[in-house]
Amino acid sequence: MAEILIPARKGKATWLARGGSVRVINTPGSQVVDTWAFVAGEMDECMSMEHSRAAMNRLTPKIGDTLVTNHRRPILTLHDDTSGEVHDTFIAACDRWRYEGLGVEGFHDNCEDNLHAALKELGLKAPKTPSPLNLFMNIPWQLSGEIDWKPPVSEPKSFVILRAEIDCVVVFSACPQDIIPINGVGCTPKDAHFEVLEPGAF
């Protein structure tokens, strides 16, 4: 169960068998990790935030909650969380247009590209970029409707454990956002890690 690197600003994907789990580690404590899951052999069926919010009856997952696909099938369950249970299900993956809007000229690493590059390493291709589960991302909201962009509340080496309810491929991106402080007050993307745990580990 060696830790696998999710390089700062880049992505990594792994297969996860039904009943198996993955521990996603916020190594520095300040790093957001965009997370996707696709059903094995059915890349058009994927973990869906809008469907999951309806299934969970809450805006963000808590321990014991199960995220579902766009076909409303269970795909990942949040088995454990030492990070403070502050995550986001609303914000789209950053992309080149997001950084253009923030004033960046030329190329900027982004989570959308990271998703597709990580899948390509496994010989896979997704037909679209679903909205991710933004692990460790702190987007507080007000009853009036406003949102804010805050640093994670997680501590170094804190983690979440996600258990597969179906054979799937899970993709992570160590978000490269370095303009607003979602990756800490220093706006510095850093490495994160994950471990694949065998079925029956929990």
C-alpha atoms as a PDB file:
ATOM      1  CA  MET A   1       0.000   0.000   0.000  1.00  0.00           C
ATOM      2  CA  ALA A   2       2.677   2.472  -1.026  1.00  0.00           C
ATOM      3  CA  GLU A   3       1.667   6.099  -1.406  1.00  0.00           C
ATOM      4  CA  ILE A   4       1.238   7.150  -5.031  1.00  0.00           C
ATOM      5  CA  LEU A   5       2.151  10.702  -5.974  1.00  0.00           C
ATOM      6  CA  ILE A   6      -0.331  13.173  -7.389  1.00  0.00           C
ATOM      7  CA  PRO A   7       2.186  15.773  -8.567  1.00  0.00           C
ATOM      8  CA  ALA A   8       1.446  19.417  -7.877  1.00  0.00           C
ATOM      9  CA  ARG A   9      -0.554  20.862 -10.799  1.00  0.00           C
ATOM     10  CA  LYS A  10      -1.004  17.409 -12.406  1.00  0.00           C
ATOM     11  CA  GLY A  11      -3.347  14.418 -12.360  1.00  0.00           C
ATOM     12  CA  LYS A  12      -3.253  10.675 -11.727  1.00  0.00           C
ATOM     13  CA  ALA A  13      -5.774   7.871 -12.258  1.00  0.00           C
ATOM     14  CA  THR A  14      -6.187   4.391 -10.805  1.00  0.00           C
ATOM     15  CA  TRP A  15      -8.469   1.397 -11.178  1.00  0.00           C
ATOM     16  CA  LEU A  16     -10.539   0.556  -8.111  1.00  0.00           C
ATOM     17  CA  ALA A  17     -12.337  -2.763  -7.747  1.00  0.00           C
ATOM     18  CA  ARG A  18     -15.736  -3.021  -6.098  1.00  0.00           C
ATOM     19  CA  GLY A  19     -15.198  -3.239  -2.343  1.00  0.00           C
ATOM     20  CA  GLY A  20     -11.751  -1.714  -2.612  1.00  0.00           C
ATOM     21  CA  SER A  21     -10.908   1.676  -1.207  1.00  0.00           C
ATOM     22  CA  VAL A  22      -8.595   4.575  -1.867  1.00  0.00           C
ATOM     23  CA  ARG A  23      -7.107   6.817   0.793  1.00  0.00           C
ATOM     24  CA  VAL A  24      -6.641  10.349  -0.572  1.00  0.00           C
ATOM     25  CA  ILE A  25      -4.017  12.164   1.481  1.00  0.00           C
ATOM     26  CA  ASN A  26      -3.811  15.940   1.769  1.00  0.00           C
ATOM     27  CA  THR A  27      -0.056  15.717   2.269  1.00  0.00           C
ATOM     28  CA  PRO A  28       0.614  19.439   2.919  1.00  0.00           C
ATOM     29  CA  GLY A  29      -2.849  20.033   4.403  1.00  0.00           C
ATOM     30  CA  SER A  30      -3.498  22.891   1.991  1.00  0.00           C
ATOM     31  CA  GLN A  31      -4.013  21.105  -1.335  1.00  0.00           C
ATOM     32  CA  VAL A  32      -7.368  20.725  -3.079  1.00  0.00           C
ATOM     33  CA  VAL A  33      -7.763  17.436  -4.963  1.00  0.00           C
ATOM     34  CA  ASP A  34     -10.381  17.366  -7.716  1.00  0.00           C
ATOM     35  CA  THR A  35     -11.807  13.840  -7.868  1.00  0.00           C
ATOM     36  CA  TRP A  36     -13.784  11.969 -10.522  1.00  0.00           C
ATOM     37  CA  ALA A  37     -14.969   8.380 -10.912  1.00  0.00           C
ATOM     38  CA  PHE A  38     -16.114   6.524 -14.042  1.00  0.00           C
ATOM     39  CA  VAL A  39     -17.787   3.116 -14.206  1.00  0.00           C
ATOM     40  CA  ALA A  40     -15.376   0.509 -15.574  1.00  0.00           C
ATOM     41  CA  GLY A  41     -16.186  -0.199 -19.211  1.00  0.00           C
ATOM     42  CA  GLU A  42     -18.850   2.529 -19.292  1.00  0.00           C
ATOM     43  CA  MET A  43     -17.060   5.854 -19.517  1.00  0.00           C
ATOM     44  CA  ASP A  44     -20.307   7.706 -20.213  1.00  0.00           C
ATOM     45  CA  GLU A  45     -21.489   6.757 -16.699  1.00  0.00           C
ATOM     46  CA  CYS A  46     -19.668   8.752 -14.067  1.00  0.00           C
ATOM     47  CA  MET A  47     -19.929  10.110 -10.555  1.00  0.00           C
ATOM     48  CA  SER A  48     -22.314  13.060 -10.669  1.00  0.00           C
ATOM     49  CA  MET A  49     -22.412  15.860  -8.132  1.00  0.00           C
ATOM     50  CA  GLU A  50     -25.942  16.998  -9.007  1.00  0.00           C
ATOM     51  CA  HIS A  51     -27.304  13.461  -8.713  1.00  0.00           C
ATOM     52  CA  SER A  52     -25.285  12.836  -5.542  1.00  0.00           C
ATOM     53  CA  ARG A  53     -26.642  15.895  -3.754  1.00  0.00           C
ATOM     54  CA  ALA A  54     -30.159  14.573  -4.311  1.00  0.00           C
ATOM     55  CA  ALA A  55     -29.178  11.062  -3.154  1.00  0.00           C
ATOM     56  CA  MET A  56     -27.376  12.326  -0.026  1.00  0.00           C
ATOM     57  CA  ASN A  57     -29.921  15.025   0.838  1.00  0.00           C
ATOM     58  CA  ARG A  58     -27.042  17.362   1.604  1.00  0.00           C
ATOM     59  CA  LEU A  59     -24.683  19.709  -0.215  1.00  0.00           C
ATOM     60  CA  THR A  60     -21.406  18.006   0.685  1.00  0.00           C
ATOM     61  CA  PRO A  61     -20.685  14.408   1.688  1.00  0.00           C
ATOM     62  CA  LYS A  62     -20.222  13.320   5.278  1.00  0.00           C
ATOM     63  CA  ILE A  63     -18.860  10.007   6.563  1.00  0.00           C
ATOM     64  CA  GLY A  64     -21.211   7.231   5.471  1.00  0.00           C
ATOM     65  CA  ASP A  65     -22.654   9.104   2.497  1.00  0.00           C
ATOM     66  CA  THR A  66     -22.636   7.455  -0.927  1.00  0.00           C
ATOM     67  CA  LEU A  67     -22.054   9.376  -4.132  1.00  0.00           C
ATOM     68  CA  VAL A  68     -23.929   8.195  -7.198  1.00  0.00           C
ATOM     69  CA  THR A  69     -23.551   8.273 -10.973  1.00  0.00           C
ATOM     70  CA  ASN A  70     -25.504  10.134 -13.609  1.00  0.00           C
ATOM     71  CA  HIS A  71     -27.535   6.887 -13.826  1.00  0.00           C
ATOM     72  CA  ARG A  72     -28.134   7.189 -10.048  1.00  0.00           C
ATOM     73  CA  ARG A  73     -26.113   4.073  -9.206  1.00  0.00           C
ATOM     74  CA  PRO A  74     -23.876   4.082  -6.095  1.00  0.00           C
ATOM     75  CA  ILE A  75     -20.215   4.464  -7.060  1.00  0.00           C
ATOM     76  CA  LEU A  76     -18.151   5.775  -4.095  1.00  0.00           C
ATOM     77  CA  THR A  77     -18.887   5.906  -0.361  1.00  0.00           C
ATOM     78  CA  LEU A  78     -17.076   8.259   1.991  1.00  0.00           C
ATOM     79  CA  HIS A  79     -15.863   5.702   4.517  1.00  0.00           C
ATOM     80  CA  ASP A  80     -13.622   7.918   6.662  1.00  0.00           C
ATOM     81  CA  ASP A  81     -12.530  11.541   6.833  1.00  0.00           C
ATOM     82  CA  THR A  82      -9.920  13.104   9.115  1.00  0.00           C
ATOM     83  CA  SER A  83      -9.800  16.396   7.215  1.00  0.00           C
ATOM     84  CA  GLY A  84     -12.710  18.208   8.856  1.00  0.00           C
ATOM     85  CA  GLU A  85     -15.375  17.090   6.356  1.00  0.00           C
ATOM     86  CA  VAL A  86     -15.130  20.345   4.389  1.00  0.00           C
ATOM     87  CA  HIS A  87     -15.367  19.589   0.666  1.00  0.00           C
ATOM     88  CA  ASP A  88     -17.138  21.089  -2.355  1.00  0.00           C
ATOM     89  CA  THR A  89     -19.595  19.691  -4.902  1.00  0.00           C
ATOM     90  CA  PHE A  90     -20.518  22.889  -6.771  1.00  0.00           C
ATOM     91  CA  ILE A  91     -17.419  24.365  -8.400  1.00  0.00           C
ATOM     92  CA  ALA A  92     -16.507  23.116 -11.873  1.00  0.00           C
ATOM     93  CA  ALA A  93     -13.002  21.875 -12.608  1.00  0.00           C
ATOM     94  CA  CYS A  94     -10.684  24.727 -13.521  1.00  0.00           C
ATOM     95  CA  ASP A  95      -9.910  24.971 -17.225  1.00  0.00           C
ATOM     96  CA  ARG A  96      -8.095  27.271 -19.616  1.00  0.00           C
ATOM     97  CA  TRP A  97     -11.106  29.581 -19.828  1.00  0.00           C
ATOM     98  CA  ARG A  98     -11.190  29.942 -16.031  1.00  0.00           C
ATOM     99  CA  TYR A  99      -7.605  31.163 -16.043  1.00  0.00           C
ATOM    100  CA  GLU A 100      -8.237  33.450 -19.000  1.00  0.00           C
ATOM    101  CA  GLY A 101     -11.001  35.026 -16.941  1.00  0.00           C
ATOM    102  CA  LEU A 102      -8.555  35.474 -14.072  1.00  0.00           C
ATOM    103  CA  GLY A 103      -6.170  37.360 -16.344  1.00  0.00           C
ATOM    104  CA  VAL A 104      -3.713  34.592 -17.271  1.00  0.00           C
ATOM    105  CA  GLU A 105      -2.124  34.932 -20.700  1.00  0.00           C
ATOM    106  CA  GLY A 106      -1.016  31.732 -22.401  1.00  0.00           C
ATOM    107  CA  PHE A 107      -1.161  28.189 -21.072  1.00  0.00           C
ATOM    108  CA  HIS A 108      -1.885  27.403 -17.428  1.00  0.00           C
ATOM    109  CA  ASP A 109      -2.088  23.901 -15.958  1.00  0.00           C
ATOM    110  CA  ASN A 110      -5.705  23.060 -15.178  1.00  0.00           C
ATOM    111  CA  CYS A 111      -7.796  20.265 -13.736  1.00  0.00           C
ATOM    112  CA  GLU A 112      -9.758  19.604 -16.923  1.00  0.00           C
ATOM    113  CA  ASP A 113      -6.576  18.851 -18.876  1.00  0.00           C
ATOM    114  CA  ASN A 114      -5.259  16.841 -15.916  1.00  0.00           C
ATOM    115  CA  LEU A 115      -8.345  14.626 -15.938  1.00  0.00           C
ATOM    116  CA  HIS A 116      -8.009  13.711 -19.593  1.00  0.00           C
ATOM    117  CA  ALA A 117      -4.218  13.301 -19.445  1.00  0.00           C
ATOM    118  CA  ALA A 118      -4.495  10.929 -16.468  1.00  0.00           C
ATOM    119  CA  LEU A 119      -7.142   8.834 -18.234  1.00  0.00           C
ATOM    120  CA  LYS A 120      -4.988   8.707 -21.357  1.00  0.00           C
ATOM    121  CA  GLU A 121      -2.202   7.112 -19.306  1.00  0.00           C
ATOM    122  CA  LEU A 122      -4.604   4.208 -18.685  1.00  0.00           C
ATOM    123  CA  GLY A 123      -5.687   4.072 -22.335  1.00  0.00           C
ATOM    124  CA  LEU A 124      -9.059   5.618 -21.532  1.00  0.00           C
ATOM    125  CA  LYS A 125     -11.022   8.590 -22.827  1.00  0.00           C
ATOM    126  CA  ALA A 126     -13.919  10.414 -21.207  1.00  0.00           C
ATOM    127  CA  PRO A 127     -16.635  11.867 -23.451  1.00  0.00           C
ATOM    128  CA  LYS A 128     -16.912  14.978 -21.259  1.00  0.00           C
ATOM    129  CA  THR A 129     -15.555  16.650 -18.124  1.00  0.00           C
ATOM    130  CA  PRO A 130     -18.003  16.039 -15.272  1.00  0.00           C
ATOM    131  CA  SER A 131     -18.140  18.362 -12.295  1.00  0.00           C
ATOM    132  CA  PRO A 132     -15.688  16.938  -9.749  1.00  0.00           C
ATOM    133  CA  LEU A 133     -15.894  16.191  -6.065  1.00  0.00           C
ATOM    134  CA  ASN A 134     -13.467  18.850  -4.851  1.00  0.00           C
ATOM    135  CA  LEU A 135     -11.868  17.180  -1.862  1.00  0.00           C
ATOM    136  CA  PHE A 136     -10.584  19.549   0.845  1.00  0.00           C
ATOM    137  CA  MET A 137     -11.935  22.597  -1.029  1.00  0.00           C
ATOM    138  CA  ASN A 138     -13.454  25.224   1.266  1.00  0.00           C
ATOM    139  CA  ILE A 139     -16.209  27.221  -0.447  1.00  0.00           C
ATOM    140  CA  PRO A 140     -18.393  28.684   2.324  1.00  0.00           C
ATOM    141  CA  TRP A 141     -21.800  29.972   1.304  1.00  0.00           C
ATOM    142  CA  GLN A 142     -24.273  32.429   2.796  1.00  0.00           C
ATOM    143  CA  LEU A 143     -28.054  32.135   3.000  1.00  0.00           C
ATOM    144  CA  SER A 144     -28.181  35.180   0.748  1.00  0.00           C
ATOM    145  CA  GLY A 145     -26.507  33.136  -1.986  1.00  0.00           C
ATOM    146  CA  GLU A 146     -22.949  34.484  -1.965  1.00  0.00           C
ATOM    147  CA  ILE A 147     -19.957  32.144  -1.904  1.00  0.00           C
ATOM    148  CA  ASP A 148     -16.349  32.715  -0.921  1.00  0.00           C
ATOM    149  CA  TRP A 149     -13.011  31.082  -1.766  1.00  0.00           C
ATOM    150  CA  LYS A 150     -11.127  30.065   1.380  1.00  0.00           C
ATOM    151  CA  PRO A 151      -8.073  27.910   2.197  1.00  0.00           C
ATOM    152  CA  PRO A 152      -8.721  24.289   3.229  1.00  0.00           C
ATOM    153  CA  VAL A 153      -9.357  23.581   6.918  1.00  0.00           C
ATOM    154  CA  SER A 154      -7.535  20.237   6.684  1.00  0.00           C
ATOM    155  CA  GLU A 155      -4.257  19.493   8.456  1.00  0.00           C
ATOM    156  CA  PRO A 156      -1.102  17.985   6.913  1.00  0.00           C
ATOM    157  CA  LYS A 157      -1.466  14.240   6.266  1.00  0.00           C
ATOM    158  CA  SER A 158      -5.218  14.320   6.871  1.00  0.00           C
ATOM    159  CA  PHE A 159      -7.154  12.077   4.518  1.00  0.00           C
ATOM    160  CA  VAL A 160     -10.422  10.749   3.209  1.00  0.00           C
ATOM    161  CA  ILE A 161     -11.151   7.116   2.380  1.00  0.00           C
ATOM    162  CA  LEU A 162     -13.472   6.396  -0.526  1.00  0.00           C
ATOM    163  CA  ARG A 163     -14.861   2.860  -0.998  1.00  0.00           C
ATOM    164  CA  ALA A 164     -15.887   1.633  -4.434  1.00  0.00           C
ATOM    165  CA  GLU A 165     -19.451   0.351  -4.753  1.00  0.00           C
ATOM    166  CA  ILE A 166     -18.782  -0.746  -8.349  1.00  0.00           C
ATOM    167  CA  ASP A 167     -15.671  -1.421 -10.431  1.00  0.00           C
ATOM    168  CA  CYS A 168     -14.460   1.998 -11.508  1.00  0.00           C
ATOM    169  CA  VAL A 169     -11.556   4.211 -12.458  1.00  0.00           C
ATOM    170  CA  VAL A 170     -10.881   7.117 -10.100  1.00  0.00           C
ATOM    171  CA  VAL A 171      -9.039  10.233 -11.217  1.00  0.00           C
ATOM    172  CA  PHE A 172      -7.357  12.893  -9.083  1.00  0.00           C
ATOM    173  CA  SER A 173      -5.938  16.318  -9.889  1.00  0.00           C
ATOM    174  CA  ALA A 174      -3.762  18.286  -7.469  1.00  0.00           C
ATOM    175  CA  CYS A 175      -5.475  21.528  -8.426  1.00  0.00           C
ATOM    176  CA  PRO A 176      -3.081  24.048 -10.011  1.00  0.00           C
ATOM    177  CA  GLN A 177      -5.027  27.117  -8.853  1.00  0.00           C
ATOM    178  CA  ASP A 178      -2.428  29.722  -7.830  1.00  0.00           C
ATOM    179  CA  ILE A 179      -4.379  32.966  -8.124  1.00  0.00           C
ATOM    180  CA  ILE A 180      -7.087  32.636  -5.470  1.00  0.00           C
ATOM    181  CA  PRO A 181      -6.296  31.057  -2.060  1.00  0.00           C
ATOM    182  CA  ILE A 182      -8.117  27.718  -2.311  1.00  0.00           C
ATOM    183  CA  ASN A 183      -4.721  25.968  -2.046  1.00  0.00           C
ATOM    184  CA  GLY A 184      -3.720  27.919   1.055  1.00  0.00           C
ATOM    185  CA  VAL A 185      -2.957  31.565   1.722  1.00  0.00           C
ATOM    186  CA  GLY A 186       0.276  31.285  -0.250  1.00  0.00           C
ATOM    187  CA  CYS A 187      -1.654  30.218  -3.375  1.00  0.00           C
ATOM    188  CA  THR A 188       0.945  27.506  -3.971  1.00  0.00           C
ATOM    189  CA  PRO A 189      -0.172  24.140  -5.412  1.00  0.00           C
ATOM    190  CA  LYS A 190       1.613  21.198  -3.816  1.00  0.00           C
ATOM    191  CA  ASP A 191       1.887  17.417  -4.148  1.00  0.00           C
ATOM    192  CA  ALA A 192      -0.817  15.159  -2.747  1.00  0.00           C
ATOM    193  CA  HIS A 193      -0.849  11.352  -2.506  1.00  0.00           C
ATOM    194  CA  PHE A 194      -3.180   8.374  -2.498  1.00  0.00           C
ATOM    195  CA  GLU A 195      -3.088   4.713  -1.492  1.00  0.00           C
ATOM    196  CA  VAL A 196      -5.180   1.939  -2.999  1.00  0.00           C
ATOM    197  CA  LEU A 197      -6.510  -0.375  -0.277  1.00  0.00           C
ATOM    198  CA  GLU A 198      -7.555  -3.926  -1.015  1.00  0.00           C
ATOM    199  CA  PRO A 199     -11.180  -5.098  -0.804  1.00  0.00           C
ATOM    200  CA  GLY A 200     -11.999  -6.114   2.743  1.00  0.00           C
ATOM    201  CA  ALA A 201      -9.539  -3.652   4.303  1.00  0.00           C
ATOM    202  CA  PHE A 202     -12.483  -2.093   6.103  1.00  0.00           C
END
